[in-house]
Amino acid sequence: MRAIWSIVALLAAHSAASSAGMAQDWTVGAGFADFSNGLSQDGGILALEYHHVPFHNASGLEIGLGGALTVHGVGDLHLGVGLVGLAALGNNWFVEGSVMPGVFIERHARNDLGSAFEIRSLIAIGLRFASGGALSVAMTHKSNASTAPQNSGVNSLVLRWHLPIQR
């Protein structure tokens, strides 16, 4: 757990030390995960995401690639890569969505989601600050989209801090 907080501190220091325009960002979050299976162990989560420079940017809609690592308090991990979309709402507010297929590794059998292949979807609303950083609240869902016989899923509520990477 200390390693994750060390990475967060390093990213924050890097972002604060940079001085040019924002092109991409790191997102750090903490929240709570609720497994659909009643036998599973719910608990806290930490999330780290990287959003690359958007490849589409028109009419207030940005679409790009991203990656996410989620660590559950009981030791479960999800690592995913996929698409991230961000739409400006006005007055520095935005809505964000992403779909990131990846691998889920449960530490305890009771947190098994049905397969190692799990897709994380996210919807968030946030506020961007003058510094380029932002704060958002996200809902996430992980499941295997019925690609396995079991598809119990896990939902999370996450408070996220967006750290711009300056270039």
Protein backbone atom coordinates (compact mmCIF):
# COMPACT_ATOMS: atom_id res chain seq x y z
CA MET A 1 0.00 0.00 0.00
CA ARG A 2 2.91 2.35 0.72
CA ALA A 3 4.18 1.82 -2.82
CA ILE A 4 0.88 3.12 -4.25
CA TRP A 5 0.98 6.26 -2.09
CA SER A 6 4.63 6.80 -3.09
CA ILE A 7 3.59 6.69 -6.76
CA VAL A 8 0.76 9.16 -6.05
CA ALA A 9 3.17 11.57 -4.33
CA LEU A 10 5.65 11.29 -7.20
CA LEU A 11 2.94 12.02 -9.76
CA ALA A 12 1.68 15.01 -7.79
CA ALA A 13 5.21 16.43 -7.52
CA HIS A 14 5.77 15.91 -11.26
CA SER A 15 2.50 17.66 -12.13
CA ALA A 16 3.15 20.58 -9.79
CA ALA A 17 6.67 21.08 -11.15
CA SER A 18 5.57 21.27 -14.80
CA SER A 19 4.52 24.54 -16.42
CA ALA A 20 3.20 24.19 -20.01
CA GLY A 21 -0.24 23.30 -21.45
CA MET A 22 -2.16 20.18 -20.41
CA ALA A 23 -2.26 17.30 -22.86
CA GLN A 24 -2.84 14.24 -20.70
CA ASP A 25 -3.34 13.39 -17.04
CA TRP A 26 -3.08 10.96 -14.16
CA THR A 27 -6.16 10.32 -12.07
CA VAL A 28 -5.87 9.09 -8.50
CA GLY A 29 -8.93 7.93 -6.60
CA ALA A 30 -10.22 6.29 -3.47
CA GLY A 31 -13.63 4.81 -2.81
CA PHE A 32 -15.75 1.81 -1.89
CA ALA A 33 -16.50 -1.35 -3.88
CA ASP A 34 -19.71 -3.37 -3.49
CA PHE A 35 -19.64 -6.88 -5.00
CA SER A 36 -22.96 -8.20 -6.33
CA ASN A 37 -22.34 -11.64 -4.85
CA GLY A 38 -23.49 -11.51 -1.22
CA LEU A 39 -20.65 -13.82 -0.13
CA SER A 40 -17.96 -11.48 -1.50
CA GLN A 41 -15.93 -9.15 0.68
CA ASP A 42 -16.81 -5.49 -0.04
CA GLY A 43 -14.35 -2.78 0.94
CA GLY A 44 -12.20 0.19 0.08
CA ILE A 45 -10.40 0.65 -3.22
CA LEU A 46 -7.58 2.76 -4.62
CA ALA A 47 -7.50 3.60 -8.32
CA LEU A 48 -4.78 4.99 -10.56
CA GLU A 49 -5.48 5.95 -14.18
CA TYR A 50 -3.47 7.37 -17.05
CA HIS A 51 -5.28 9.28 -19.80
CA HIS A 52 -3.20 9.76 -22.95
CA VAL A 53 -3.40 12.76 -25.30
CA PRO A 54 -6.84 12.59 -27.00
CA PHE A 55 -6.82 11.43 -30.62
CA HIS A 56 -10.21 13.13 -31.20
CA ASN A 57 -11.02 16.64 -30.01
CA ALA A 58 -14.04 18.43 -31.52
CA SER A 59 -17.14 20.25 -30.28
CA GLY A 60 -16.16 19.89 -26.62
CA LEU A 61 -15.73 16.09 -26.88
CA GLU A 62 -12.32 14.49 -26.35
CA ILE A 63 -11.68 10.78 -26.96
CA GLY A 64 -8.40 9.04 -26.20
CA LEU A 65 -6.75 5.94 -24.82
CA GLY A 66 -6.23 5.23 -21.16
CA GLY A 67 -5.23 2.63 -18.65
CA ALA A 68 -6.43 1.92 -15.12
CA LEU A 69 -5.21 -0.03 -12.11
CA THR A 70 -7.66 -0.69 -9.28
CA VAL A 71 -6.51 -2.22 -5.99
CA HIS A 72 -9.18 -3.51 -3.62
CA GLY A 73 -8.55 -3.40 0.12
CA VAL A 74 -8.61 -7.20 0.33
CA GLY A 75 -5.92 -7.47 -2.36
CA ASP A 76 -7.98 -7.97 -5.54
CA LEU A 77 -6.55 -6.21 -8.64
CA HIS A 78 -7.95 -5.03 -11.96
CA LEU A 79 -5.73 -3.77 -14.77
CA GLY A 80 -7.47 -2.46 -17.89
CA VAL A 81 -6.78 -0.52 -21.07
CA GLY A 82 -9.35 1.14 -23.32
CA LEU A 83 -11.15 4.28 -24.45
CA VAL A 84 -11.74 7.42 -22.39
CA GLY A 85 -14.20 10.14 -23.41
CA LEU A 86 -14.60 13.56 -21.84
CA ALA A 87 -17.31 16.12 -22.68
CA ALA A 88 -17.27 19.73 -21.48
CA LEU A 89 -20.50 20.86 -19.80
CA GLY A 90 -19.64 24.55 -19.27
CA ASN A 91 -18.38 26.55 -16.29
CA ASN A 92 -15.43 24.10 -16.01
CA TRP A 93 -17.72 21.11 -15.37
CA PHE A 94 -17.28 17.92 -17.40
CA VAL A 95 -18.63 14.41 -17.75
CA GLU A 96 -16.29 11.49 -18.39
CA GLY A 97 -16.88 7.94 -19.52
CA SER A 98 -14.58 5.03 -20.19
CA VAL A 99 -14.58 1.35 -21.10
CA MET A 100 -11.47 -0.63 -20.18
CA PRO A 101 -11.32 -4.38 -20.77
CA GLY A 102 -8.66 -6.09 -18.73
CA VAL A 103 -7.66 -8.70 -16.22
CA PHE A 104 -9.13 -9.15 -12.73
CA ILE A 105 -7.17 -11.14 -10.16
CA GLU A 106 -9.07 -11.97 -6.99
CA ARG A 107 -7.15 -12.67 -3.81
CA HIS A 108 -10.03 -14.63 -2.26
CA ALA A 109 -12.25 -17.10 -4.13
CA ARG A 110 -15.38 -15.42 -2.75
CA ASN A 111 -14.51 -12.30 -4.80
CA ASP A 112 -14.40 -14.28 -8.06
CA LEU A 113 -16.23 -12.35 -10.80
CA GLY A 114 -16.45 -15.34 -13.12
CA SER A 115 -13.27 -15.06 -15.19
CA ALA A 116 -9.95 -13.27 -15.37
CA PHE A 117 -11.35 -11.19 -18.27
CA GLU A 118 -13.39 -8.33 -16.81
CA ILE A 119 -14.47 -5.03 -18.33
CA ARG A 120 -14.48 -1.86 -16.26
CA SER A 121 -16.94 0.84 -17.31
CA LEU A 122 -16.97 4.29 -15.70
CA ILE A 123 -19.13 7.40 -15.66
CA ALA A 124 -17.98 10.50 -13.78
CA ILE A 125 -18.84 14.13 -13.30
CA GLY A 126 -16.14 16.60 -12.36
CA LEU A 127 -14.98 20.18 -11.99
CA ARG A 128 -11.75 21.47 -13.53
CA PHE A 129 -9.74 24.12 -11.64
CA ALA A 130 -7.72 27.02 -13.05
CA SER A 131 -4.52 25.06 -12.33
CA GLY A 132 -5.64 22.39 -14.83
CA GLY A 133 -6.29 19.84 -12.10
CA ALA A 134 -9.78 18.54 -11.43
CA LEU A 135 -11.91 16.71 -8.91
CA SER A 136 -14.53 14.16 -9.97
CA VAL A 137 -16.91 11.57 -8.57
CA ALA A 138 -17.19 8.33 -10.53
CA MET A 139 -19.33 5.23 -10.58
CA THR A 140 -17.63 2.13 -11.96
CA HIS A 141 -18.82 -1.35 -12.84
CA LYS A 142 -16.68 -4.40 -13.53
CA SER A 143 -18.09 -7.56 -15.12
CA ASN A 144 -17.25 -10.03 -17.84
CA ALA A 145 -20.28 -9.05 -19.97
CA SER A 146 -21.62 -12.61 -19.74
CA THR A 147 -18.57 -14.08 -21.50
CA ALA A 148 -18.34 -16.61 -18.63
CA PRO A 149 -21.00 -18.74 -16.90
CA GLN A 150 -20.71 -16.58 -13.75
CA ASN A 151 -21.04 -12.79 -14.11
CA SER A 152 -21.58 -11.36 -10.63
CA GLY A 153 -19.83 -7.99 -11.08
CA VAL A 154 -18.67 -5.28 -8.70
CA ASN A 155 -19.77 -1.62 -8.46
CA SER A 156 -17.72 1.20 -6.98
CA LEU A 157 -18.10 4.84 -5.99
CA VAL A 158 -14.80 6.72 -6.28
CA LEU A 159 -13.64 10.26 -5.45
CA ARG A 160 -10.91 11.15 -7.99
CA TRP A 161 -8.19 13.78 -8.26
CA HIS A 162 -6.99 14.57 -11.80
CA LEU A 163 -3.32 15.58 -12.09
CA PRO A 164 -2.44 17.22 -15.41
CA ILE A 165 0.78 16.15 -17.08
CA GLN A 166 2.30 19.30 -18.51
CA ARG A 167 4.49 19.18 -21.58
